[in-house]
Amino acid sequence: MSAAIPSGTASPMTPARRIIFPPSFPFLSGTPSAATGATPATGLSPAETAAVLPLRFASYNTQHEFHVGQLVRWKEGLKNRVRPDYKQPAIVVEILAEPAIQPLPDSLGGDVREKLDVVLGIITEEQLFSFFHFDKKRFEPYIGP
């Protein structure tokens, strides 16, 4: 039973509870799990990461020439934004002659200082046609489902 608050006084604020995790807590520490050696952030062991990194780097550096009106999709492993979904097509709206530089993280994801050199149109969850800026090196031509 709580004590009554005298009239004319402010109600006491309950202090926010802080949950303190030990440094060994896996999702905070970034240390490998004992069973697999995988880090929580990637789910890959250091050896798997070392094998995948050159593949992703090579894919990122493989450039495609896009044209306005062409359908594109994310390259495997290079999606760094919420939209569009993997394998979901987007349409090239504009190729920027002078890339924009992503100054700050945005709510859709993306890397700070990323070179944004293509404008893509997508259909959102609300069925709206919307435009977003992307790094075209992260995309490949859409071939179909």
Protein backbone atom coordinates (compact mmCIF):
# COMPACT_ATOMS: atom_id res chain seq x y z
CA MET A 1 0.00 0.00 0.00
CA SER A 2 1.44 3.39 -0.92
CA ALA A 3 1.44 6.35 1.41
CA ALA A 4 -0.89 9.19 0.56
CA ILE A 5 0.69 12.31 -0.90
CA PRO A 6 -0.32 15.40 1.05
CA SER A 7 -2.36 17.79 -1.03
CA GLY A 8 -0.48 20.71 -2.51
CA THR A 9 2.75 18.74 -2.98
CA ALA A 10 4.09 17.38 -6.19
CA SER A 11 3.99 13.67 -6.68
CA PRO A 12 7.37 12.07 -6.24
CA MET A 13 9.06 10.99 -9.46
CA THR A 14 10.12 7.41 -9.53
CA PRO A 15 13.76 7.38 -10.56
CA ALA A 16 14.47 5.55 -13.79
CA ARG A 17 15.78 2.08 -13.22
CA ARG A 18 19.17 1.37 -14.68
CA ILE A 19 19.97 -2.14 -15.67
CA ILE A 20 23.65 -2.77 -15.46
CA PHE A 21 24.98 -5.64 -17.53
CA PRO A 22 28.30 -7.26 -16.70
CA PRO A 23 31.09 -6.62 -19.24
CA SER A 24 30.91 -10.28 -20.22
CA PHE A 25 27.29 -9.89 -21.39
CA PRO A 26 27.56 -11.08 -25.03
CA PHE A 27 25.64 -8.42 -26.96
CA LEU A 28 27.51 -5.57 -25.27
CA SER A 29 31.02 -6.86 -25.24
CA GLY A 30 31.43 -7.93 -28.86
CA THR A 31 33.41 -10.88 -27.59
CA PRO A 32 33.12 -14.23 -29.32
CA SER A 33 30.65 -16.72 -27.96
CA ALA A 34 32.31 -19.70 -26.35
CA ALA A 35 30.50 -22.24 -28.51
CA THR A 36 31.19 -20.88 -32.03
CA GLY A 37 33.81 -18.16 -31.70
CA ALA A 38 31.35 -15.92 -33.58
CA THR A 39 30.90 -12.32 -32.57
CA PRO A 40 27.31 -11.31 -31.71
CA ALA A 41 27.36 -8.40 -34.16
CA THR A 42 27.99 -10.53 -37.26
CA GLY A 43 27.41 -14.11 -36.24
CA LEU A 44 30.66 -14.93 -38.04
CA SER A 45 33.89 -16.26 -36.62
CA PRO A 46 37.04 -14.26 -37.33
CA ALA A 47 38.04 -16.83 -39.99
CA GLU A 48 34.61 -16.56 -41.67
CA THR A 49 34.81 -12.76 -41.53
CA ALA A 50 38.27 -12.89 -43.14
CA ALA A 51 36.85 -15.06 -45.94
CA VAL A 52 33.77 -12.89 -46.54
CA LEU A 53 35.41 -9.44 -46.43
CA PRO A 54 37.34 -9.76 -49.73
CA LEU A 55 34.20 -11.08 -51.45
CA ARG A 56 32.09 -8.13 -50.26
CA PHE A 57 34.87 -5.69 -51.20
CA ALA A 58 35.13 -7.17 -54.71
CA SER A 59 31.35 -7.02 -55.12
CA TYR A 60 31.27 -3.40 -53.95
CA ASN A 61 33.99 -2.48 -56.45
CA THR A 62 32.23 -4.20 -59.36
CA GLN A 63 30.44 -1.29 -61.01
CA HIS A 64 27.46 -1.44 -63.34
CA GLU A 65 26.42 1.25 -65.77
CA PHE A 66 22.82 2.15 -64.99
CA HIS A 67 20.39 4.26 -66.99
CA VAL A 68 17.27 6.17 -65.99
CA GLY A 69 14.29 3.83 -65.95
CA GLN A 70 16.35 0.69 -65.29
CA LEU A 71 15.34 -1.70 -62.51
CA VAL A 72 18.02 -2.48 -59.92
CA ARG A 73 18.35 -4.36 -56.64
CA TRP A 74 20.82 -4.60 -53.75
CA LYS A 75 23.96 -6.64 -54.31
CA GLU A 76 24.15 -9.55 -51.89
CA GLY A 77 25.67 -8.49 -48.58
CA LEU A 78 25.80 -4.76 -49.42
CA LYS A 79 22.39 -3.61 -48.14
CA ASN A 80 23.00 -0.83 -45.61
CA ARG A 81 19.56 0.77 -45.50
CA VAL A 82 16.11 -0.25 -44.38
CA ARG A 83 14.65 0.16 -47.87
CA PRO A 84 14.26 -1.39 -50.35
CA ASP A 85 14.16 -5.00 -49.19
CA TYR A 86 16.61 -7.50 -50.63
CA LYS A 87 15.51 -8.71 -54.05
CA GLN A 88 12.87 -5.95 -54.17
CA PRO A 89 13.37 -3.90 -57.34
CA ALA A 90 13.92 -0.17 -57.38
CA ILE A 91 13.93 2.06 -60.46
CA VAL A 92 16.71 4.46 -61.39
CA VAL A 93 15.25 7.98 -61.35
CA GLU A 94 18.48 9.95 -61.73
CA ILE A 95 22.23 9.40 -61.95
CA LEU A 96 23.88 12.32 -60.17
CA ALA A 97 26.82 13.93 -61.98
CA GLU A 98 28.06 15.33 -58.66
CA PRO A 99 27.53 12.85 -55.80
CA ALA A 100 25.98 14.03 -52.57
CA ILE A 101 27.82 13.10 -49.38
CA GLN A 102 25.80 11.59 -46.53
CA PRO A 103 26.69 14.02 -43.70
CA LEU A 104 24.95 12.27 -40.79
CA PRO A 105 23.32 8.92 -40.14
CA ASP A 106 19.68 8.95 -41.21
CA SER A 107 16.69 7.02 -39.96
CA LEU A 108 16.85 4.61 -42.89
CA GLY A 109 20.42 3.57 -42.19
CA GLY A 110 23.39 4.35 -44.35
CA ASP A 111 26.96 5.22 -43.57
CA VAL A 112 28.26 8.63 -42.59
CA ARG A 113 30.23 10.25 -45.44
CA GLU A 114 28.85 7.72 -47.95
CA LYS A 115 28.91 8.90 -51.56
CA LEU A 116 25.29 9.04 -52.80
CA ASP A 117 25.32 9.11 -56.59
CA VAL A 118 22.01 7.62 -57.70
CA VAL A 119 18.37 8.45 -56.94
CA LEU A 120 16.13 5.38 -56.85
CA GLY A 121 12.36 5.18 -56.76
CA ILE A 122 10.72 2.52 -54.63
CA ILE A 123 7.24 1.54 -53.57
CA THR A 124 6.92 1.98 -49.79
CA GLU A 125 4.87 -0.04 -47.33
CA GLU A 126 2.08 2.53 -47.87
CA GLN A 127 2.15 1.83 -51.64
CA LEU A 128 3.66 5.29 -52.30
CA PHE A 129 6.29 5.97 -54.95
CA SER A 130 9.19 7.57 -53.06
CA PHE A 131 12.73 8.66 -53.98
CA PHE A 132 15.90 7.97 -52.00
CA HIS A 133 19.60 8.62 -52.63
CA PHE A 134 22.03 5.68 -52.64
CA ASP A 135 25.57 4.64 -53.50
CA LYS A 136 25.14 2.94 -56.88
CA LYS A 137 28.08 0.60 -56.20
CA ARG A 138 25.80 -1.27 -53.79
CA PHE A 139 23.33 -2.16 -56.57
CA GLU A 140 23.15 -4.48 -59.56
CA PRO A 141 20.69 -4.81 -62.43
CA TYR A 142 17.38 -6.43 -61.46
CA ILE A 143 16.97 -9.69 -63.32
CA GLY A 144 13.67 -10.84 -61.86
CA PRO A 145 12.37 -12.99 -59.02
